[in-house]
Amino acid sequence: MISNINLSKHFFSYGVGIFPLLLLIGPLISELFLVTVILFTWIPIVKKKQFKYLNKYFIFFSLFYLSTLFSTLLNFYHFDNAIAGIFYFRIPLFAFAIWFILDRHNLFNKKIVFFYTIFFLLIVFDSLFQFYTGQNLIGYEIIRKRISSFFGEELILGGFITRILPFFLVHLIMNDIINQKINIYYTLFISFVCLIVYLSGERTSFFLLVLFFSLVFITVKDLRKFIFIVGIILFFLSLLMSYFKNSEQINPANRMFSKTYAQVLGTGPPKVGNYKEHKKKLFNKVYIFSHDHHGHYLLAAKIIKDHPIFGVGAKGFRYLCRKKIYILENNDGCSTHPHNTYLQVFSSNGVIGFIFLVTAFIYLIRQIIICRNKIEKENNFNKFKISQIIMLITVLINFWPLVPSGNFFNNWLSMLYFYPIGYYLYFKHIDEKKIN
């Protein structure tokens, strides 16, 4: 009996600790683990009436889910479209399940750090190997002049690293590996991890990575030296890559800056976006991010105008964008989603769901300011408060409004969005217990 308890303890605690890495195995494994964790945690929560988990955050997410469910059922096109909205409740429940497990088991041990270290070492080596040779260790070749490592045809290497690096950082902090003293080995190691995001050519991911470290630099005085050194090393590594790379390989700087400039203005050769003749430019001057993104946003605005209150349901955008009344010039804009979280939630859930999202964003900013003020008053390195603000910033960059984004109702992305919320709720609860 005791061995079974220990087995379940290790399965769920270590599973939650390395959950982002499970997403690499495939959506089925991560989905099965998510459902199992929810059942494992919520049955005792309900049976033992542990009402601390049924708090204002639970009510907030429940109301957001109800707005999603109502909009989806109100605009029931067919079951395949509705399933994402109907079963979305499991994603917020997962965040509270993480909080529950963190409360009961010590996830912050060096075994988890070891898992993350090995994973990032493998990703760094494989990505650099692909960058220099044209293919990675298992034969995946460079696609559209961009490295993707083990993700193959899915060009999400940079986005994945950007979203899981904060958890690695928190585990290093909670294990006293990174603190007020500089650990030169992990400082250099994290610089190389950041370099891979740059080499991936994913502009949004690299911007969010820079934003993450900038916000941590501003809010956590004890990590400023560490972040400054990481930034300096990253700068020189990126210069070094440009001098020693294979001439036939990718050019991250060109994609990050030159191509972005050309896409926003709609100038240059066709391969970077020659859309001078197009009439939909903002103020007849620029596109929002690119010609394609601009089309998505215009189409989303048309749908929002026609369905402002309740929206069109979780996957209504992909259904309606093919309708004749929404087809734009040259059939622009139609896609599976609007490629911006706020426009997607507004078009899917209507103004009610949009208000929830904006409220959450304002709350995050307010809590970051509150945490920063507390940290400024601390004389010692408070790893719990620092981890709390890192998780707040992680959630903030996931919901940053002024960037293109993936599909909010995609299972894989939703799990990554709500995973740090569970960590934040845990650290916030620890902080409140100490105050009381």
Protein backbone atom coordinates (compact mmCIF):
# COMPACT_ATOMS: atom_id res chain seq x y z
CA MET A 1 0.00 0.00 0.00
CA ILE A 2 2.81 2.39 0.97
CA SER A 3 4.71 1.57 -2.23
CA ASN A 4 1.59 2.39 -4.27
CA ILE A 5 1.27 5.75 -2.52
CA ASN A 6 4.94 6.52 -3.15
CA LEU A 7 4.57 5.45 -6.77
CA SER A 8 1.62 7.78 -7.35
CA LYS A 9 3.42 10.56 -5.47
CA HIS A 10 6.49 10.29 -7.69
CA PHE A 11 4.43 9.84 -10.85
CA PHE A 12 2.37 12.99 -10.32
CA SER A 13 5.03 15.18 -8.70
CA TYR A 14 7.76 14.45 -11.24
CA GLY A 15 5.20 14.39 -14.04
CA VAL A 16 4.05 17.90 -13.14
CA GLY A 17 7.65 19.04 -12.70
CA ILE A 18 8.66 18.04 -16.22
CA PHE A 19 5.23 18.40 -17.84
CA PRO A 20 6.45 20.85 -20.56
CA LEU A 21 8.85 18.15 -21.72
CA LEU A 22 5.97 15.66 -21.99
CA LEU A 23 4.46 17.93 -24.63
CA LEU A 24 7.36 16.96 -26.90
CA ILE A 25 6.30 13.32 -26.89
CA GLY A 26 2.96 14.17 -28.43
CA PRO A 27 -0.48 15.58 -27.65
CA LEU A 28 -1.94 12.22 -26.64
CA ILE A 29 0.53 11.60 -23.79
CA SER A 30 0.22 15.13 -22.41
CA GLU A 31 -3.59 15.02 -22.68
CA LEU A 32 -3.78 11.68 -20.84
CA PHE A 33 -1.49 12.99 -18.12
CA LEU A 34 -3.55 16.18 -17.79
CA VAL A 35 -6.83 14.27 -17.36
CA THR A 36 -5.23 11.83 -14.90
CA VAL A 37 -3.80 14.67 -12.81
CA ILE A 38 -7.16 16.46 -12.72
CA LEU A 39 -8.93 13.30 -11.49
CA PHE A 40 -6.16 12.57 -8.97
CA THR A 41 -6.39 16.04 -7.42
CA TRP A 42 -9.99 17.15 -7.76
CA ILE A 43 -11.55 14.03 -6.24
CA PRO A 44 -9.80 14.62 -2.87
CA ILE A 45 -10.39 18.39 -3.13
CA VAL A 46 -14.14 17.80 -3.38
CA LYS A 47 -14.27 14.91 -0.88
CA LYS A 48 -12.25 16.69 1.79
CA LYS A 49 -13.92 20.05 1.08
CA GLN A 50 -10.65 21.90 0.61
CA PHE A 51 -12.27 25.20 -0.16
CA LYS A 52 -9.02 27.16 -0.47
CA TYR A 53 -8.84 25.90 -4.07
CA LEU A 54 -12.40 27.09 -4.75
CA ASN A 55 -11.39 30.73 -4.44
CA LYS A 56 -11.85 33.91 -6.47
CA TYR A 57 -9.48 32.63 -9.17
CA PHE A 58 -11.55 29.49 -9.54
CA ILE A 59 -14.71 31.60 -9.89
CA PHE A 60 -12.99 33.84 -12.46
CA PHE A 61 -11.88 30.94 -14.66
CA SER A 62 -15.25 29.23 -14.25
CA LEU A 63 -17.05 32.33 -15.51
CA PHE A 64 -14.65 32.61 -18.44
CA TYR A 65 -15.29 28.97 -19.30
CA LEU A 66 -19.05 29.53 -19.12
CA SER A 67 -18.72 32.41 -21.57
CA THR A 68 -16.75 30.09 -23.88
CA LEU A 69 -19.31 27.30 -23.52
CA PHE A 70 -22.28 29.60 -24.09
CA SER A 71 -20.75 31.20 -27.21
CA THR A 72 -19.80 27.79 -28.60
CA LEU A 73 -23.23 26.24 -28.06
CA LEU A 74 -25.00 29.36 -29.30
CA ASN A 75 -23.03 29.05 -32.57
CA PHE A 76 -23.08 25.26 -32.93
CA TYR A 77 -21.83 24.57 -36.48
CA HIS A 78 -20.82 20.95 -35.93
CA PHE A 79 -19.31 18.89 -33.12
CA ASP A 80 -15.71 19.08 -34.38
CA ASN A 81 -15.88 22.86 -34.08
CA ALA A 82 -17.63 22.81 -30.71
CA ILE A 83 -15.49 20.22 -28.90
CA ALA A 84 -12.68 22.69 -28.09
CA GLY A 85 -15.10 25.05 -26.35
CA ILE A 86 -17.18 22.39 -24.57
CA PHE A 87 -14.21 20.61 -22.98
CA TYR A 88 -12.09 23.69 -22.33
CA PHE A 89 -12.93 23.50 -18.59
CA ARG A 90 -10.18 20.91 -18.10
CA ILE A 91 -7.44 23.46 -18.89
CA PRO A 92 -8.13 25.83 -15.93
CA LEU A 93 -8.71 22.78 -13.71
CA PHE A 94 -5.20 21.66 -14.62
CA ALA A 95 -3.75 24.89 -13.19
CA PHE A 96 -5.41 24.25 -9.83
CA ALA A 97 -4.29 20.61 -9.94
CA ILE A 98 -0.70 21.83 -10.29
CA TRP A 99 -1.16 24.07 -7.26
CA PHE A 100 -2.54 21.08 -5.30
CA ILE A 101 0.45 18.87 -6.17
CA LEU A 102 3.00 21.62 -5.47
CA ASP A 103 1.36 22.04 -2.06
CA ARG A 104 1.84 18.38 -1.18
CA HIS A 105 5.09 17.34 -2.83
CA ASN A 106 8.51 18.89 -3.04
CA LEU A 107 9.00 19.42 -6.76
CA PHE A 108 11.90 21.78 -6.30
CA ASN A 109 14.74 19.31 -6.09
CA LYS A 110 17.87 18.76 -8.13
CA LYS A 111 16.41 15.79 -9.99
CA ILE A 112 14.05 18.14 -11.85
CA VAL A 113 16.98 20.49 -12.50
CA PHE A 114 18.89 17.52 -13.92
CA PHE A 115 15.99 16.65 -16.29
CA TYR A 116 15.80 20.22 -17.59
CA THR A 117 19.59 20.52 -17.90
CA ILE A 118 19.87 17.36 -19.98
CA PHE A 119 16.93 18.42 -22.14
CA PHE A 120 18.34 21.88 -22.86
CA LEU A 121 21.82 20.46 -23.47
CA LEU A 122 20.36 18.13 -26.07
CA ILE A 123 18.31 20.91 -27.69
CA VAL A 124 21.30 23.30 -27.81
CA PHE A 125 23.64 20.70 -29.29
CA ASP A 126 21.07 19.42 -31.78
CA SER A 127 20.08 22.92 -32.89
CA LEU A 128 23.68 24.05 -33.39
CA PHE A 129 24.39 20.81 -35.27
CA GLN A 130 21.43 21.50 -37.55
CA PHE A 131 22.49 25.14 -37.96
CA TYR A 132 25.98 24.17 -39.19
CA THR A 133 25.31 20.95 -41.10
CA GLY A 134 21.82 21.52 -42.48
CA GLN A 135 20.19 18.66 -40.58
CA ASN A 136 19.83 17.63 -36.97
CA LEU A 137 20.90 14.45 -35.21
CA ILE A 138 17.92 12.42 -36.46
CA GLY A 139 17.97 13.79 -39.99
CA TYR A 140 15.48 16.67 -39.89
CA GLU A 141 16.60 19.27 -42.41
CA ILE A 142 16.37 23.05 -42.21
CA ILE A 143 12.95 24.21 -43.41
CA ARG A 144 12.50 27.59 -45.08
CA LYS A 145 15.95 28.61 -43.83
CA ARG A 146 14.93 28.05 -40.20
CA ILE A 147 16.15 25.49 -37.70
CA SER A 148 13.56 23.42 -35.84
CA SER A 149 15.63 20.73 -34.05
CA PHE A 150 13.47 17.76 -32.98
CA PHE A 151 10.24 19.59 -33.90
CA GLY A 152 10.82 18.83 -37.58
CA GLU A 153 8.29 20.55 -39.83
CA GLU A 154 6.72 22.40 -36.90
CA LEU A 155 8.63 25.66 -36.61
CA ILE A 156 7.99 26.13 -32.90
CA LEU A 157 11.47 25.59 -31.43
CA GLY A 158 11.90 29.20 -30.28
CA GLY A 159 8.38 29.48 -28.89
CA PHE A 160 8.72 26.26 -26.91
CA ILE A 161 12.03 27.31 -25.35
CA THR A 162 10.72 30.79 -24.51
CA ARG A 163 7.76 29.33 -22.64
CA ILE A 164 9.61 26.67 -20.63
CA LEU A 165 12.87 28.51 -19.85
CA PRO A 166 11.19 30.45 -16.96
CA PHE A 167 10.41 27.14 -15.21
CA PHE A 168 14.02 26.05 -15.50
CA LEU A 169 15.02 29.41 -14.02
CA VAL A 170 12.57 28.98 -11.12
CA HIS A 171 13.90 25.48 -10.36
CA LEU A 172 17.46 26.86 -10.37
CA ILE A 173 16.40 29.63 -7.96
CA MET A 174 14.45 27.32 -5.65
CA ASN A 175 17.48 24.98 -5.47
CA ASP A 176 19.80 27.89 -4.62
CA ILE A 177 21.79 27.36 -7.82
CA ILE A 178 21.02 30.89 -9.01
CA ASN A 179 20.89 33.58 -6.35
CA GLN A 180 22.75 36.80 -5.57
CA LYS A 181 26.02 35.09 -6.48
CA ILE A 182 26.74 34.43 -10.16
CA ASN A 183 26.87 30.77 -11.18
CA ILE A 184 29.07 31.13 -14.25
CA TYR A 185 28.24 27.67 -15.63
CA TYR A 186 24.47 28.13 -15.65
CA THR A 187 24.81 31.75 -16.76
CA LEU A 188 26.73 30.61 -19.82
CA PHE A 189 24.35 27.68 -20.32
CA ILE A 190 21.22 29.87 -20.29
CA SER A 191 22.93 32.26 -22.71
CA PHE A 192 23.30 29.39 -25.18
CA VAL A 193 19.66 28.39 -24.66
CA CYS A 194 18.63 31.98 -25.49
CA LEU A 195 20.89 31.87 -28.54
CA ILE A 196 18.85 28.97 -29.93
CA VAL A 197 15.69 31.12 -29.75
CA TYR A 198 17.51 33.76 -31.79
CA LEU A 199 18.82 31.23 -34.33
CA SER A 200 15.32 29.73 -34.72
CA GLY A 201 14.28 32.94 -36.47
CA GLU A 202 10.99 33.09 -34.55
CA ARG A 203 10.56 36.82 -34.20
CA THR A 204 7.65 36.78 -31.77
CA SER A 205 9.39 34.25 -29.53
CA PHE A 206 12.64 36.22 -29.48
CA PHE A 207 10.76 39.44 -28.71
CA LEU A 208 8.89 37.74 -25.84
CA LEU A 209 12.16 36.29 -24.53
CA VAL A 210 13.72 39.76 -24.49
CA LEU A 211 10.56 41.14 -22.88
CA PHE A 212 10.65 38.43 -20.21
CA PHE A 213 14.25 39.12 -19.20
CA SER A 214 13.70 42.89 -19.39
CA LEU A 215 10.74 42.68 -17.00
CA VAL A 216 12.65 40.40 -14.61
CA PHE A 217 15.59 42.85 -14.78
CA ILE A 218 13.30 45.75 -13.86
CA THR A 219 11.42 43.97 -11.08
CA VAL A 220 14.00 41.69 -9.40
CA LYS A 221 17.01 43.60 -8.14
CA ASP A 222 18.85 40.41 -7.10
CA LEU A 223 18.88 39.01 -10.66
CA ARG A 224 20.01 42.13 -12.52
CA LYS A 225 23.67 41.18 -12.62
CA PHE A 226 22.81 37.68 -13.84
CA ILE A 227 20.50 38.98 -16.60
CA PHE A 228 23.01 41.64 -17.66
CA ILE A 229 25.75 39.02 -18.08
CA VAL A 230 23.39 36.70 -20.00
CA GLY A 231 22.55 39.59 -22.33
CA ILE A 232 26.21 40.43 -22.97
CA ILE A 233 27.13 36.79 -23.65
CA LEU A 234 24.10 36.38 -25.94
CA PHE A 235 25.06 39.48 -27.91
CA PHE A 236 28.59 38.24 -28.56
CA LEU A 237 27.42 34.70 -29.31
CA SER A 238 24.98 36.02 -31.94
CA LEU A 239 27.80 38.01 -33.55
CA LEU A 240 30.02 34.95 -33.48
CA MET A 241 27.37 32.84 -35.19
CA SER A 242 27.09 35.34 -38.04
CA TYR A 243 30.84 35.18 -38.72
CA PHE A 244 31.31 31.44 -38.55
CA LYS A 245 28.05 30.13 -39.99
CA ASN A 246 27.81 28.24 -43.27
CA SER A 247 27.00 30.79 -46.01
CA GLU A 248 24.18 28.60 -47.30
CA GLN A 249 22.47 28.42 -43.94
CA ILE A 250 19.99 30.72 -42.26
CA ASN A 251 20.48 34.39 -41.48
CA PRO A 252 18.60 35.17 -38.22
CA ALA A 253 19.48 38.86 -38.26
CA ASN A 254 18.03 39.28 -41.75
CA ARG A 255 14.80 37.56 -40.74
CA MET A 256 14.52 39.39 -37.41
CA PHE A 257 15.06 42.88 -38.74
CA SER A 258 15.25 43.29 -42.53
CA LYS A 259 12.38 40.95 -43.34
CA THR A 260 10.21 42.39 -40.56
CA TYR A 261 10.79 45.91 -41.85
CA ALA A 262 9.90 44.85 -45.39
CA GLN A 263 6.76 42.99 -44.30
CA VAL A 264 5.46 45.88 -42.23
CA LEU A 265 5.94 48.34 -45.08
CA GLY A 266 5.02 45.86 -47.81
CA THR A 267 8.18 46.63 -49.77
CA GLY A 268 11.06 44.70 -51.22
CA PRO A 269 11.20 41.59 -53.40
CA PRO A 270 8.27 39.13 -53.31
CA LYS A 271 10.02 36.78 -50.92
CA VAL A 272 9.82 39.40 -48.18
CA GLY A 273 6.40 40.76 -49.02
CA ASN A 274 5.85 42.90 -52.13
CA TYR A 275 2.29 44.12 -51.60
CA LYS A 276 2.52 47.74 -52.78
CA GLU A 277 -0.65 47.44 -54.81
CA HIS A 278 -2.71 46.27 -51.83
CA LYS A 279 -5.20 48.84 -50.49
CA LYS A 280 -5.67 47.64 -46.92
CA LYS A 281 -2.60 49.20 -45.30
CA LEU A 282 -3.06 50.98 -41.98
CA PHE A 283 -3.25 54.69 -42.79
CA ASN A 284 -2.15 53.62 -46.29
CA LYS A 285 1.33 53.27 -44.82
CA VAL A 286 1.99 50.00 -43.00
CA TYR A 287 0.68 46.52 -42.35
CA ILE A 288 0.14 45.22 -38.82
CA PHE A 289 3.14 42.87 -38.56
CA SER A 290 2.72 41.59 -42.14
CA HIS A 291 0.32 41.45 -45.08
CA ASP A 292 -1.04 38.06 -43.94
CA HIS A 293 -1.48 39.08 -40.30
CA HIS A 294 -3.15 42.28 -41.43
CA GLY A 295 -5.69 40.23 -43.35
CA HIS A 296 -6.41 38.03 -40.32
CA TYR A 297 -7.04 41.08 -38.15
CA LEU A 298 -9.30 42.81 -40.67
CA LEU A 299 -11.38 39.66 -41.04
CA ALA A 300 -11.56 39.24 -37.24
CA ALA A 301 -12.75 42.86 -36.95
CA LYS A 302 -15.55 42.17 -39.46
CA ILE A 303 -16.68 39.11 -37.51
CA ILE A 304 -16.54 41.01 -34.19
CA LYS A 305 -18.62 43.82 -35.68
CA ASP A 306 -21.36 41.32 -36.62
CA HIS A 307 -21.16 39.27 -33.38
CA PRO A 308 -20.00 41.73 -30.69
CA ILE A 309 -21.77 40.41 -27.59
CA PHE A 310 -21.43 36.62 -27.57
CA GLY A 311 -18.95 35.99 -30.38
CA VAL A 312 -18.98 33.04 -32.78
CA GLY A 313 -17.73 30.20 -30.58
CA ALA A 314 -14.36 28.57 -29.96
CA LYS A 315 -13.71 27.64 -33.59
CA GLY A 316 -16.22 29.87 -35.31
CA PHE A 317 -13.56 32.00 -36.99
CA ARG A 318 -12.30 29.18 -39.21
CA TYR A 319 -15.90 28.34 -40.16
CA LEU A 320 -17.16 31.86 -40.91
CA CYS A 321 -14.06 33.18 -42.69
CA ARG A 322 -14.99 30.98 -45.67
CA LYS A 323 -18.45 32.55 -45.92
CA LYS A 324 -18.94 34.92 -48.84
CA ILE A 325 -19.85 37.92 -46.67
CA TYR A 326 -16.49 37.71 -44.87
CA ILE A 327 -14.18 36.96 -47.80
CA LEU A 328 -11.72 39.83 -48.21
CA GLU A 329 -9.98 41.00 -51.35
CA ASN A 330 -7.84 38.21 -52.86
CA ASN A 331 -9.37 35.86 -50.25
CA ASP A 332 -6.99 37.26 -47.59
CA GLY A 333 -7.30 36.64 -43.87
CA CYS A 334 -9.00 33.24 -43.72
CA SER A 335 -7.24 30.88 -41.33
CA THR A 336 -7.91 28.58 -38.38
CA HIS A 337 -7.72 31.55 -35.98
CA PRO A 338 -6.97 35.32 -36.09
CA HIS A 339 -3.34 34.93 -34.90
CA ASN A 340 -3.83 37.27 -31.95
CA THR A 341 -5.13 36.06 -28.58
CA TYR A 342 -7.22 39.14 -27.85
CA LEU A 343 -8.86 39.26 -31.28
CA GLN A 344 -9.47 35.52 -31.09
CA VAL A 345 -11.15 35.69 -27.68
CA PHE A 346 -13.18 38.76 -28.76
CA SER A 347 -14.36 37.06 -31.95
CA SER A 348 -14.97 33.71 -30.20
CA ASN A 349 -16.43 34.77 -26.83
CA GLY A 350 -17.62 38.26 -27.64
CA VAL A 351 -17.13 41.34 -25.50
CA ILE A 352 -17.86 39.35 -22.32
CA GLY A 353 -14.92 36.99 -22.82
CA PHE A 354 -12.76 39.89 -23.98
CA ILE A 355 -13.45 41.78 -20.74
CA PHE A 356 -12.29 38.74 -18.76
CA LEU A 357 -9.03 38.65 -20.72
CA VAL A 358 -8.34 42.39 -20.36
CA THR A 359 -9.18 42.19 -16.63
CA ALA A 360 -6.67 39.35 -16.24
CA PHE A 361 -3.98 41.36 -18.05
CA ILE A 362 -4.53 44.40 -15.81
CA TYR A 363 -4.46 42.14 -12.74
CA LEU A 364 -1.11 40.69 -13.84
CA ILE A 365 0.45 44.13 -14.22
CA ARG A 366 -0.88 45.21 -10.82
CA GLN A 367 0.42 42.06 -9.10
CA ILE A 368 3.84 42.43 -10.74
CA ILE A 369 4.09 45.97 -9.34
CA ILE A 370 3.00 44.78 -5.88
CA CYS A 371 5.55 41.94 -5.91
CA ARG A 372 8.28 44.24 -7.12
CA ASN A 373 7.64 46.65 -4.23
CA LYS A 374 7.82 43.77 -1.76
CA ILE A 375 11.09 42.49 -3.23
CA GLU A 376 12.61 45.99 -3.12
CA LYS A 377 12.01 46.05 0.65
CA GLU A 378 13.65 42.65 1.15
CA ASN A 379 17.25 42.58 2.37
CA ASN A 380 17.67 38.88 1.70
CA PHE A 381 17.26 36.80 -1.45
CA ASN A 382 13.63 35.66 -1.07
CA LYS A 383 13.40 32.82 -3.56
CA PHE A 384 9.65 32.35 -3.07
CA LYS A 385 8.77 35.97 -3.88
CA ILE A 386 11.22 36.02 -6.80
CA SER A 387 9.75 32.79 -8.19
CA GLN A 388 6.27 34.25 -7.78
CA ILE A 389 7.08 37.33 -9.86
CA ILE A 390 8.83 35.21 -12.50
CA MET A 391 5.66 33.16 -12.90
CA LEU A 392 3.59 36.35 -13.09
CA ILE A 393 5.83 37.66 -15.87
CA THR A 394 5.64 34.28 -17.63
CA VAL A 395 1.85 34.46 -17.68
CA LEU A 396 2.05 38.10 -18.80
CA ILE A 397 4.21 37.35 -21.84
CA ASN A 398 1.92 34.44 -22.75
CA PHE A 399 -0.96 36.92 -22.92
CA TRP A 400 0.98 39.89 -24.28
CA PRO A 401 -1.49 41.65 -26.62
CA LEU A 402 0.78 43.34 -29.16
CA VAL A 403 2.24 40.28 -30.89
CA PRO A 404 1.02 37.58 -33.27
CA SER A 405 0.06 34.46 -31.36
CA GLY A 406 -0.98 30.85 -31.78
CA ASN A 407 -4.43 29.36 -31.42
CA PHE A 408 -5.69 30.09 -27.90
CA PHE A 409 -8.00 27.05 -27.97
CA ASN A 410 -5.28 24.69 -29.16
CA ASN A 411 -4.73 22.03 -26.46
CA TRP A 412 -0.93 22.15 -26.66
CA LEU A 413 -0.74 25.94 -26.37
CA SER A 414 -3.49 26.17 -23.73
CA MET A 415 -1.58 23.76 -21.50
CA LEU A 416 1.53 25.93 -21.77
CA TYR A 417 -0.54 29.06 -21.04
CA PHE A 418 -2.13 27.67 -17.87
CA TYR A 419 0.84 25.69 -16.57
CA PRO A 420 2.57 28.76 -15.04
CA ILE A 421 -0.74 29.89 -13.51
CA GLY A 422 -0.64 26.80 -11.28
CA TYR A 423 2.88 27.70 -10.13
CA TYR A 424 1.85 31.30 -9.50
CA LEU A 425 -1.15 30.25 -7.37
CA TYR A 426 1.17 28.07 -5.29
CA PHE A 427 3.76 30.79 -4.69
CA LYS A 428 1.06 33.36 -3.95
CA HIS A 429 -0.51 31.03 -1.39
CA ILE A 430 2.91 30.54 0.29
CA ASP A 431 3.37 34.32 0.42
CA GLU A 432 -0.09 34.87 1.93
CA LYS A 433 0.50 32.17 4.58
CA LYS A 434 3.71 33.89 5.70
CA ILE A 435 1.89 37.24 5.99
CA ASN A 436 -0.93 35.71 8.05
